[in-house]
Amino acid sequence: MALFGTTVLGLLSQASWSQDLRPFTARYEARYYGVNGGIIELTLRKGSTPNEYVYESRAKPTFLAAFMISEAAREISTMVVDANGVRPIKFTADDGKKSTAQDSIYQFDWTQKKVTGHTGDLALDQALPERMQDHLSVQIAMMWALQRNADLGEYTLVDGGKIKQYRYTKEGAATMAFKNRTLDTIIVRSERADRTGGRINRYWHAAELGHIPLRAERSNKDKVDLTIALIDLQFTD
């Protein structure tokens, strides 16, 4: 669920951004080494206050995949999206199991410039970097940047109780088929900025769909082990 796995500064009006960001539900088929792992559902909806959005990820695994991930697993990121970009406010992750060893909760205080929380027993309490995201909110930050043809650059992510640096770059363009249509996409590559030779993620963002990814894949040493492909998309505004 963390495949999609920075505040991007801009001078655009709040009204313009609101028109760009459309609530949606996207369903992806996940495959691990080519084997069907089930469905990942991503839902973006408006929050309870102005400029607030909630992005939720849930899994509907196949029988075999259910041994690795529970259907009760949830990840939720609450964020503010305005003329200044995307800023996460709260992130929670529940793996759906009785043990809380892998569960996470993080609070992002942009006034006090602090991020606090924990994954299991691993606590975090530190200064909040300017370009900080969780691994769900960064997906929305990518869409925001691509809609404005802005530079992507490096993002600081909190993941599993640790702070990690990721570099995002535009790698090229490609066409992909979706629902009997051929769509132009921008390929975005992400990788750890503080190490070499690790895993690489790639995302095919479709401009006609508000830069929602049509496909994502994870590779290690040039071998793809995980892919997700968009099978259904509904805008809910």
C-alpha atoms as a PDB file:
ATOM      1  CA  MET A   1       0.000   0.000   0.000  1.00  0.00           C
ATOM      2  CA  ALA A   2       2.970   2.223   0.372  1.00  0.00           C
ATOM      3  CA  LEU A   3       4.092   2.027  -3.254  1.00  0.00           C
ATOM      4  CA  PHE A   4       2.990   5.422  -4.063  1.00  0.00           C
ATOM      5  CA  GLY A   5       5.219   5.838  -2.136  1.00  0.00           C
ATOM      6  CA  THR A   6       7.232  18.800  -0.180  1.00  0.00           C
ATOM      7  CA  THR A   7       5.185  21.080  -0.082  1.00  0.00           C
ATOM      8  CA  VAL A   8       5.396  22.436  -3.630  1.00  0.00           C
ATOM      9  CA  LEU A   9       5.321  26.209  -3.524  1.00  0.00           C
ATOM     10  CA  GLY A  10       3.201  28.185  -5.977  1.00  0.00           C
ATOM     11  CA  LEU A  11       1.514  31.502  -6.511  1.00  0.00           C
ATOM     12  CA  LEU A  12      -1.792  30.207  -7.830  1.00  0.00           C
ATOM     13  CA  SER A  13      -5.129  31.248  -6.448  1.00  0.00           C
ATOM     14  CA  GLN A  14      -7.127  29.086  -4.086  1.00  0.00           C
ATOM     15  CA  ALA A  15     -10.015  28.991  -6.543  1.00  0.00           C
ATOM     16  CA  SER A  16      -7.773  27.723  -9.322  1.00  0.00           C
ATOM     17  CA  TRP A  17      -6.462  24.885  -7.158  1.00  0.00           C
ATOM     18  CA  SER A  18      -9.955  23.890  -6.045  1.00  0.00           C
ATOM     19  CA  GLN A  19     -10.926  23.449  -9.678  1.00  0.00           C
ATOM     20  CA  ASP A  20      -7.878  21.254 -10.327  1.00  0.00           C
ATOM     21  CA  LEU A  21      -8.328  18.902  -7.378  1.00  0.00           C
ATOM     22  CA  ARG A  22     -11.390  16.725  -7.929  1.00  0.00           C
ATOM     23  CA  PRO A  23     -12.450  14.145  -5.348  1.00  0.00           C
ATOM     24  CA  PHE A  24     -12.285  10.653  -6.785  1.00  0.00           C
ATOM     25  CA  THR A  25     -12.253   6.923  -6.142  1.00  0.00           C
ATOM     26  CA  ALA A  26      -9.633   4.955  -8.063  1.00  0.00           C
ATOM     27  CA  ARG A  27      -9.335   1.173  -8.067  1.00  0.00           C
ATOM     28  CA  TYR A  28      -6.076  -0.524  -9.018  1.00  0.00           C
ATOM     29  CA  GLU A  29      -5.221  -4.153  -9.665  1.00  0.00           C
ATOM     30  CA  ALA A  30      -2.056  -5.109  -7.802  1.00  0.00           C
ATOM     31  CA  ARG A  31       0.347  -7.783  -9.027  1.00  0.00           C
ATOM     32  CA  TYR A  32       3.353  -9.154  -7.157  1.00  0.00           C
ATOM     33  CA  TYR A  33       5.839 -10.863  -9.466  1.00  0.00           C
ATOM     34  CA  GLY A  34       2.984 -11.142 -11.958  1.00  0.00           C
ATOM     35  CA  VAL A  35       0.576 -12.844  -9.534  1.00  0.00           C
ATOM     36  CA  ASN A  36      -2.750 -11.125  -8.885  1.00  0.00           C
ATOM     37  CA  GLY A  37      -2.725  -9.697  -5.361  1.00  0.00           C
ATOM     38  CA  GLY A  38      -6.156  -8.095  -5.396  1.00  0.00           C
ATOM     39  CA  ILE A  39      -7.428  -4.530  -5.480  1.00  0.00           C
ATOM     40  CA  ILE A  40      -6.125  -1.311  -3.943  1.00  0.00           C
ATOM     41  CA  GLU A  41      -8.748   1.411  -3.607  1.00  0.00           C
ATOM     42  CA  LEU A  42      -7.727   5.052  -3.219  1.00  0.00           C
ATOM     43  CA  THR A  43     -10.340   7.646  -2.285  1.00  0.00           C
ATOM     44  CA  LEU A  44      -9.894  11.409  -2.147  1.00  0.00           C
ATOM     45  CA  ARG A  45     -12.681  13.382  -0.501  1.00  0.00           C
ATOM     46  CA  LYS A  46     -13.182  16.844   0.940  1.00  0.00           C
ATOM     47  CA  GLY A  47     -12.613  17.273   4.670  1.00  0.00           C
ATOM     48  CA  SER A  48     -14.641  19.079   7.284  1.00  0.00           C
ATOM     49  CA  THR A  49     -12.904  22.458   6.989  1.00  0.00           C
ATOM     50  CA  PRO A  50     -12.050  24.710   4.018  1.00  0.00           C
ATOM     51  CA  ASN A  51      -9.060  23.524   1.955  1.00  0.00           C
ATOM     52  CA  GLU A  52      -8.974  20.207   3.843  1.00  0.00           C
ATOM     53  CA  TYR A  53      -8.863  16.884   1.988  1.00  0.00           C
ATOM     54  CA  VAL A  54      -8.758  13.282   3.148  1.00  0.00           C
ATOM     55  CA  TYR A  55      -6.957  10.610   1.131  1.00  0.00           C
ATOM     56  CA  GLU A  56      -7.599   6.986   2.078  1.00  0.00           C
ATOM     57  CA  SER A  57      -6.081   3.723   0.931  1.00  0.00           C
ATOM     58  CA  ARG A  58      -7.614   0.311   1.529  1.00  0.00           C
ATOM     59  CA  ALA A  59      -6.885  -3.156   0.202  1.00  0.00           C
ATOM     60  CA  LYS A  60      -9.112  -5.929  -1.055  1.00  0.00           C
ATOM     61  CA  PRO A  61      -6.622  -8.794  -1.294  1.00  0.00           C
ATOM     62  CA  THR A  62      -7.026 -12.113  -3.050  1.00  0.00           C
ATOM     63  CA  PHE A  63      -7.113 -15.254  -0.910  1.00  0.00           C
ATOM     64  CA  LEU A  64      -3.341 -15.748  -1.160  1.00  0.00           C
ATOM     65  CA  ALA A  65      -2.522 -12.060  -0.656  1.00  0.00           C
ATOM     66  CA  ALA A  66      -4.711 -12.031   2.475  1.00  0.00           C
ATOM     67  CA  PHE A  67      -1.930 -13.900   4.263  1.00  0.00           C
ATOM     68  CA  MET A  68       0.255 -10.787   3.833  1.00  0.00           C
ATOM     69  CA  ILE A  69      -2.253  -7.946   4.102  1.00  0.00           C
ATOM     70  CA  SER A  70      -5.601  -7.762   5.870  1.00  0.00           C
ATOM     71  CA  GLU A  71      -8.772  -6.522   4.206  1.00  0.00           C
ATOM     72  CA  ALA A  72      -9.248  -4.449   7.377  1.00  0.00           C
ATOM     73  CA  ALA A  73      -6.005  -2.506   6.717  1.00  0.00           C
ATOM     74  CA  ARG A  74      -6.420   1.248   6.270  1.00  0.00           C
ATOM     75  CA  GLU A  75      -4.156   4.230   5.666  1.00  0.00           C
ATOM     76  CA  ILE A  76      -5.542   7.765   5.903  1.00  0.00           C
ATOM     77  CA  SER A  77      -3.884  11.118   5.306  1.00  0.00           C
ATOM     78  CA  THR A  78      -5.615  14.392   6.165  1.00  0.00           C
ATOM     79  CA  MET A  79      -4.048  17.395   4.454  1.00  0.00           C
ATOM     80  CA  VAL A  80      -4.522  21.048   3.635  1.00  0.00           C
ATOM     81  CA  VAL A  81      -4.327  21.965  -0.053  1.00  0.00           C
ATOM     82  CA  ASP A  82      -4.221  25.637  -0.974  1.00  0.00           C
ATOM     83  CA  ALA A  83      -2.157  28.197  -2.864  1.00  0.00           C
ATOM     84  CA  ASN A  84       0.907  27.173  -0.838  1.00  0.00           C
ATOM     85  CA  GLY A  85       0.694  23.545  -1.918  1.00  0.00           C
ATOM     86  CA  VAL A  86       0.038  20.306  -0.047  1.00  0.00           C
ATOM     87  CA  ARG A  87       0.653  20.054   3.705  1.00  0.00           C
ATOM     88  CA  PRO A  88      -0.216  16.877   5.646  1.00  0.00           C
ATOM     89  CA  ILE A  89      -1.934  17.413   8.993  1.00  0.00           C
ATOM     90  CA  LYS A  90      -2.447  13.862  10.240  1.00  0.00           C
ATOM     91  CA  PHE A  91      -1.524  10.383   9.008  1.00  0.00           C
ATOM     92  CA  THR A  92      -2.775   7.078  10.410  1.00  0.00           C
ATOM     93  CA  ALA A  93      -2.089   3.500   9.350  1.00  0.00           C
ATOM     94  CA  ASP A  94      -3.740   0.375  10.757  1.00  0.00           C
ATOM     95  CA  ASP A  95      -2.644  -2.974   9.341  1.00  0.00           C
ATOM     96  CA  GLY A  96      -5.914  -4.576  10.447  1.00  0.00           C
ATOM     97  CA  LYS A  97      -4.275  -7.009  12.860  1.00  0.00           C
ATOM     98  CA  LYS A  98      -4.694  -7.335  16.633  1.00  0.00           C
ATOM     99  CA  SER A  99      -1.114  -6.274  17.263  1.00  0.00           C
ATOM    100  CA  THR A 100      -0.372  -2.557  16.966  1.00  0.00           C
ATOM    101  CA  ALA A 101       3.350  -3.115  16.334  1.00  0.00           C
ATOM    102  CA  GLN A 102       3.077  -1.903  12.731  1.00  0.00           C
ATOM    103  CA  ASP A 103       0.369   0.737  13.217  1.00  0.00           C
ATOM    104  CA  SER A 104       1.267   4.420  12.797  1.00  0.00           C
ATOM    105  CA  ILE A 105      -0.090   7.813  13.742  1.00  0.00           C
ATOM    106  CA  TYR A 106       1.624  11.147  12.992  1.00  0.00           C
ATOM    107  CA  GLN A 107       0.657  14.757  13.572  1.00  0.00           C
ATOM    108  CA  PHE A 108       2.154  17.598  11.517  1.00  0.00           C
ATOM    109  CA  ASP A 109       2.085  20.958  13.287  1.00  0.00           C
ATOM    110  CA  TRP A 110       2.930  23.605  10.696  1.00  0.00           C
ATOM    111  CA  THR A 111       2.594  26.437  13.218  1.00  0.00           C
ATOM    112  CA  GLN A 112       5.063  25.006  15.715  1.00  0.00           C
ATOM    113  CA  LYS A 113       7.054  23.309  12.927  1.00  0.00           C
ATOM    114  CA  LYS A 114       7.014  19.904  14.617  1.00  0.00           C
ATOM    115  CA  VAL A 115       6.118  16.353  13.589  1.00  0.00           C
ATOM    116  CA  THR A 116       5.196  13.932  16.355  1.00  0.00           C
ATOM    117  CA  GLY A 117       3.833  10.411  16.519  1.00  0.00           C
ATOM    118  CA  HIS A 118       4.891   6.796  16.427  1.00  0.00           C
ATOM    119  CA  THR A 119       4.948   3.529  14.539  1.00  0.00           C
ATOM    120  CA  GLY A 120       4.464   0.798  17.117  1.00  0.00           C
ATOM    121  CA  ASP A 121       6.894   1.604  19.924  1.00  0.00           C
ATOM    122  CA  LEU A 122       9.135   3.739  17.695  1.00  0.00           C
ATOM    123  CA  ALA A 123       8.371   7.355  18.612  1.00  0.00           C
ATOM    124  CA  LEU A 124       9.121  10.457  16.569  1.00  0.00           C
ATOM    125  CA  ASP A 125       9.316  14.043  17.837  1.00  0.00           C
ATOM    126  CA  GLN A 126      11.369  16.443  15.755  1.00  0.00           C
ATOM    127  CA  ALA A 127      11.432  19.640  13.753  1.00  0.00           C
ATOM    128  CA  LEU A 128       9.149  19.643  10.723  1.00  0.00           C
ATOM    129  CA  PRO A 129      11.078  20.061   7.451  1.00  0.00           C
ATOM    130  CA  GLU A 130       9.655  22.524   4.918  1.00  0.00           C
ATOM    131  CA  ARG A 131       9.008  19.853   2.275  1.00  0.00           C
ATOM    132  CA  MET A 132       7.566  17.110   4.479  1.00  0.00           C
ATOM    133  CA  GLN A 133       4.936  14.589   3.392  1.00  0.00           C
ATOM    134  CA  ASP A 134       3.610  11.200   4.363  1.00  0.00           C
ATOM    135  CA  HIS A 135       3.520   8.521   1.684  1.00  0.00           C
ATOM    136  CA  LEU A 136      -0.127   9.236   0.825  1.00  0.00           C
ATOM    137  CA  SER A 137      -0.037  13.034   0.797  1.00  0.00           C
ATOM    138  CA  VAL A 138       3.022  12.985  -1.458  1.00  0.00           C
ATOM    139  CA  GLN A 139       0.860  11.432  -4.183  1.00  0.00           C
ATOM    140  CA  ILE A 140      -1.389  14.490  -4.110  1.00  0.00           C
ATOM    141  CA  ALA A 141       1.682  16.756  -4.010  1.00  0.00           C
ATOM    142  CA  MET A 142       2.928  15.055  -7.192  1.00  0.00           C
ATOM    143  CA  MET A 143      -0.386  15.652  -8.943  1.00  0.00           C
ATOM    144  CA  TRP A 144      -0.364  19.282  -7.782  1.00  0.00           C
ATOM    145  CA  ALA A 145       3.154  19.836  -9.146  1.00  0.00           C
ATOM    146  CA  LEU A 146       2.483  18.108 -12.468  1.00  0.00           C
ATOM    147  CA  GLN A 147      -0.666  20.136 -13.047  1.00  0.00           C
ATOM    148  CA  ARG A 148       1.471  23.261 -12.814  1.00  0.00           C
ATOM    149  CA  ASN A 149       4.498  21.866 -14.665  1.00  0.00           C
ATOM    150  CA  ALA A 150       6.501  22.611 -11.536  1.00  0.00           C
ATOM    151  CA  ASP A 151       9.810  21.076 -10.570  1.00  0.00           C
ATOM    152  CA  LEU A 152       9.420  17.956  -8.439  1.00  0.00           C
ATOM    153  CA  GLY A 153      12.703  17.748  -6.541  1.00  0.00           C
ATOM    154  CA  GLU A 154      13.302  16.125  -3.163  1.00  0.00           C
ATOM    155  CA  TYR A 155      10.683  15.375  -0.548  1.00  0.00           C
ATOM    156  CA  THR A 156      11.130  14.429   3.098  1.00  0.00           C
ATOM    157  CA  LEU A 157       8.841  11.528   4.034  1.00  0.00           C
ATOM    158  CA  VAL A 158       7.952   9.991   7.371  1.00  0.00           C
ATOM    159  CA  ASP A 159       7.635   6.254   6.855  1.00  0.00           C
ATOM    160  CA  GLY A 160       7.638   3.489   9.452  1.00  0.00           C
ATOM    161  CA  GLY A 161       8.845   5.810  12.187  1.00  0.00           C
ATOM    162  CA  LYS A 162      11.826   7.001  10.167  1.00  0.00           C
ATOM    163  CA  ILE A 163      12.594  10.136   8.196  1.00  0.00           C
ATOM    164  CA  LYS A 164      13.644   9.452   4.625  1.00  0.00           C
ATOM    165  CA  GLN A 165      14.655  11.621   1.673  1.00  0.00           C
ATOM    166  CA  TYR A 166      13.227  10.845  -1.754  1.00  0.00           C
ATOM    167  CA  ARG A 167      14.051  12.369  -5.112  1.00  0.00           C
ATOM    168  CA  TYR A 168      11.306  12.722  -7.740  1.00  0.00           C
ATOM    169  CA  THR A 169      12.154  13.363 -11.387  1.00  0.00           C
ATOM    170  CA  LYS A 170      10.316  13.415 -14.692  1.00  0.00           C
ATOM    171  CA  GLU A 171      11.716  10.536 -16.707  1.00  0.00           C
ATOM    172  CA  GLY A 172       9.867  10.943 -19.970  1.00  0.00           C
ATOM    173  CA  ALA A 173       6.489  10.506 -21.636  1.00  0.00           C
ATOM    174  CA  ALA A 174       4.456   7.562 -22.881  1.00  0.00           C
ATOM    175  CA  THR A 175       0.976   6.658 -24.085  1.00  0.00           C
ATOM    176  CA  MET A 176      -1.160   4.130 -22.227  1.00  0.00           C
ATOM    177  CA  ALA A 177      -4.567   2.595 -22.823  1.00  0.00           C
ATOM    178  CA  PHE A 178      -7.417   3.028 -20.337  1.00  0.00           C
ATOM    179  CA  LYS A 179     -11.113   2.294 -20.904  1.00  0.00           C
ATOM    180  CA  ASN A 180     -10.656   2.021 -24.692  1.00  0.00           C
ATOM    181  CA  ARG A 181      -8.824   5.355 -24.773  1.00  0.00           C
ATOM    182  CA  THR A 182      -5.193   6.152 -25.427  1.00  0.00           C
ATOM    183  CA  LEU A 183      -3.896   8.698 -22.940  1.00  0.00           C
ATOM    184  CA  ASP A 184      -0.676  10.675 -22.768  1.00  0.00           C
ATOM    185  CA  THR A 185       1.250  10.179 -19.548  1.00  0.00           C
ATOM    186  CA  ILE A 186       4.263  11.661 -17.807  1.00  0.00           C
ATOM    187  CA  ILE A 187       6.586   9.101 -16.221  1.00  0.00           C
ATOM    188  CA  VAL A 188       7.767  10.104 -12.743  1.00  0.00           C
ATOM    189  CA  ARG A 189      10.617   8.251 -11.055  1.00  0.00           C
ATOM    190  CA  SER A 190      11.199   8.224  -7.307  1.00  0.00           C
ATOM    191  CA  GLU A 191      14.152   6.861  -5.362  1.00  0.00           C
ATOM    192  CA  ARG A 192      15.931   7.393  -2.093  1.00  0.00           C
ATOM    193  CA  ALA A 193      18.038  10.541  -2.293  1.00  0.00           C
ATOM    194  CA  ASP A 194      20.330   9.507   0.562  1.00  0.00           C
ATOM    195  CA  ARG A 195      21.490   6.183  -0.867  1.00  0.00           C
ATOM    196  CA  THR A 196      22.167   4.459  -4.193  1.00  0.00           C
ATOM    197  CA  GLY A 197      21.223   1.090  -5.613  1.00  0.00           C
ATOM    198  CA  GLY A 198      17.897   0.759  -3.812  1.00  0.00           C
ATOM    199  CA  ARG A 199      14.368   0.321  -5.013  1.00  0.00           C
ATOM    200  CA  ILE A 200      12.970   2.587  -7.721  1.00  0.00           C
ATOM    201  CA  ASN A 201       9.311   3.491  -8.153  1.00  0.00           C
ATOM    202  CA  ARG A 202       7.814   4.731 -11.416  1.00  0.00           C
ATOM    203  CA  TYR A 203       4.398   6.320 -11.970  1.00  0.00           C
ATOM    204  CA  TRP A 204       2.555   7.010 -15.241  1.00  0.00           C
ATOM    205  CA  HIS A 205       0.486  10.172 -14.598  1.00  0.00           C
ATOM    206  CA  ALA A 206      -2.306  10.946 -17.073  1.00  0.00           C
ATOM    207  CA  ALA A 207      -2.848  14.661 -17.721  1.00  0.00           C
ATOM    208  CA  GLU A 208      -6.414  14.136 -19.011  1.00  0.00           C
ATOM    209  CA  LEU A 209      -7.326  12.591 -15.647  1.00  0.00           C
ATOM    210  CA  GLY A 210      -5.900  15.385 -13.532  1.00  0.00           C
ATOM    211  CA  HIS A 211      -2.550  13.560 -13.413  1.00  0.00           C
ATOM    212  CA  ILE A 212      -3.960  10.584 -11.528  1.00  0.00           C
ATOM    213  CA  PRO A 213      -1.545   7.673 -12.164  1.00  0.00           C
ATOM    214  CA  LEU A 214      -2.631   5.025 -14.657  1.00  0.00           C
ATOM    215  CA  ARG A 215       0.119   2.688 -13.507  1.00  0.00           C
ATOM    216  CA  ALA A 216       2.860   2.369 -10.908  1.00  0.00           C
ATOM    217  CA  GLU A 217       5.643  -0.129 -10.560  1.00  0.00           C
ATOM    218  CA  ARG A 218       8.420  -0.925  -8.114  1.00  0.00           C
ATOM    219  CA  SER A 219      11.728  -2.376  -9.183  1.00  0.00           C
ATOM    220  CA  ASN A 220      14.901  -3.531  -7.510  1.00  0.00           C
ATOM    221  CA  LYS A 221      18.100  -3.994  -9.511  1.00  0.00           C
ATOM    222  CA  ASP A 222      16.076  -3.451 -12.710  1.00  0.00           C
ATOM    223  CA  LYS A 223      13.661  -6.282 -11.847  1.00  0.00           C
ATOM    224  CA  VAL A 224      10.013  -5.273 -11.394  1.00  0.00           C
ATOM    225  CA  ASP A 225       8.418  -6.994  -8.412  1.00  0.00           C
ATOM    226  CA  LEU A 226       5.227  -4.995  -7.825  1.00  0.00           C
ATOM    227  CA  THR A 227       2.846  -3.267 -10.242  1.00  0.00           C
ATOM    228  CA  ILE A 228      -0.532  -1.607  -9.875  1.00  0.00           C
ATOM    229  CA  ALA A 229      -2.717  -0.687 -12.841  1.00  0.00           C
ATOM    230  CA  LEU A 230      -5.810   1.522 -12.863  1.00  0.00           C
ATOM    231  CA  ILE A 231      -8.950  -0.468 -13.667  1.00  0.00           C
ATOM    232  CA  ASP A 232     -11.676   1.969 -12.632  1.00  0.00           C
ATOM    233  CA  LEU A 233     -11.929   5.686 -11.878  1.00  0.00           C
ATOM    234  CA  GLN A 234     -14.893   7.747 -10.744  1.00  0.00           C
ATOM    235  CA  PHE A 235     -14.834  11.455  -9.978  1.00  0.00           C
ATOM    236  CA  THR A 236     -17.171  12.064  -7.066  1.00  0.00           C
ATOM    237  CA  ASP A 237     -17.623  15.848  -7.080  1.00  0.00           C
END
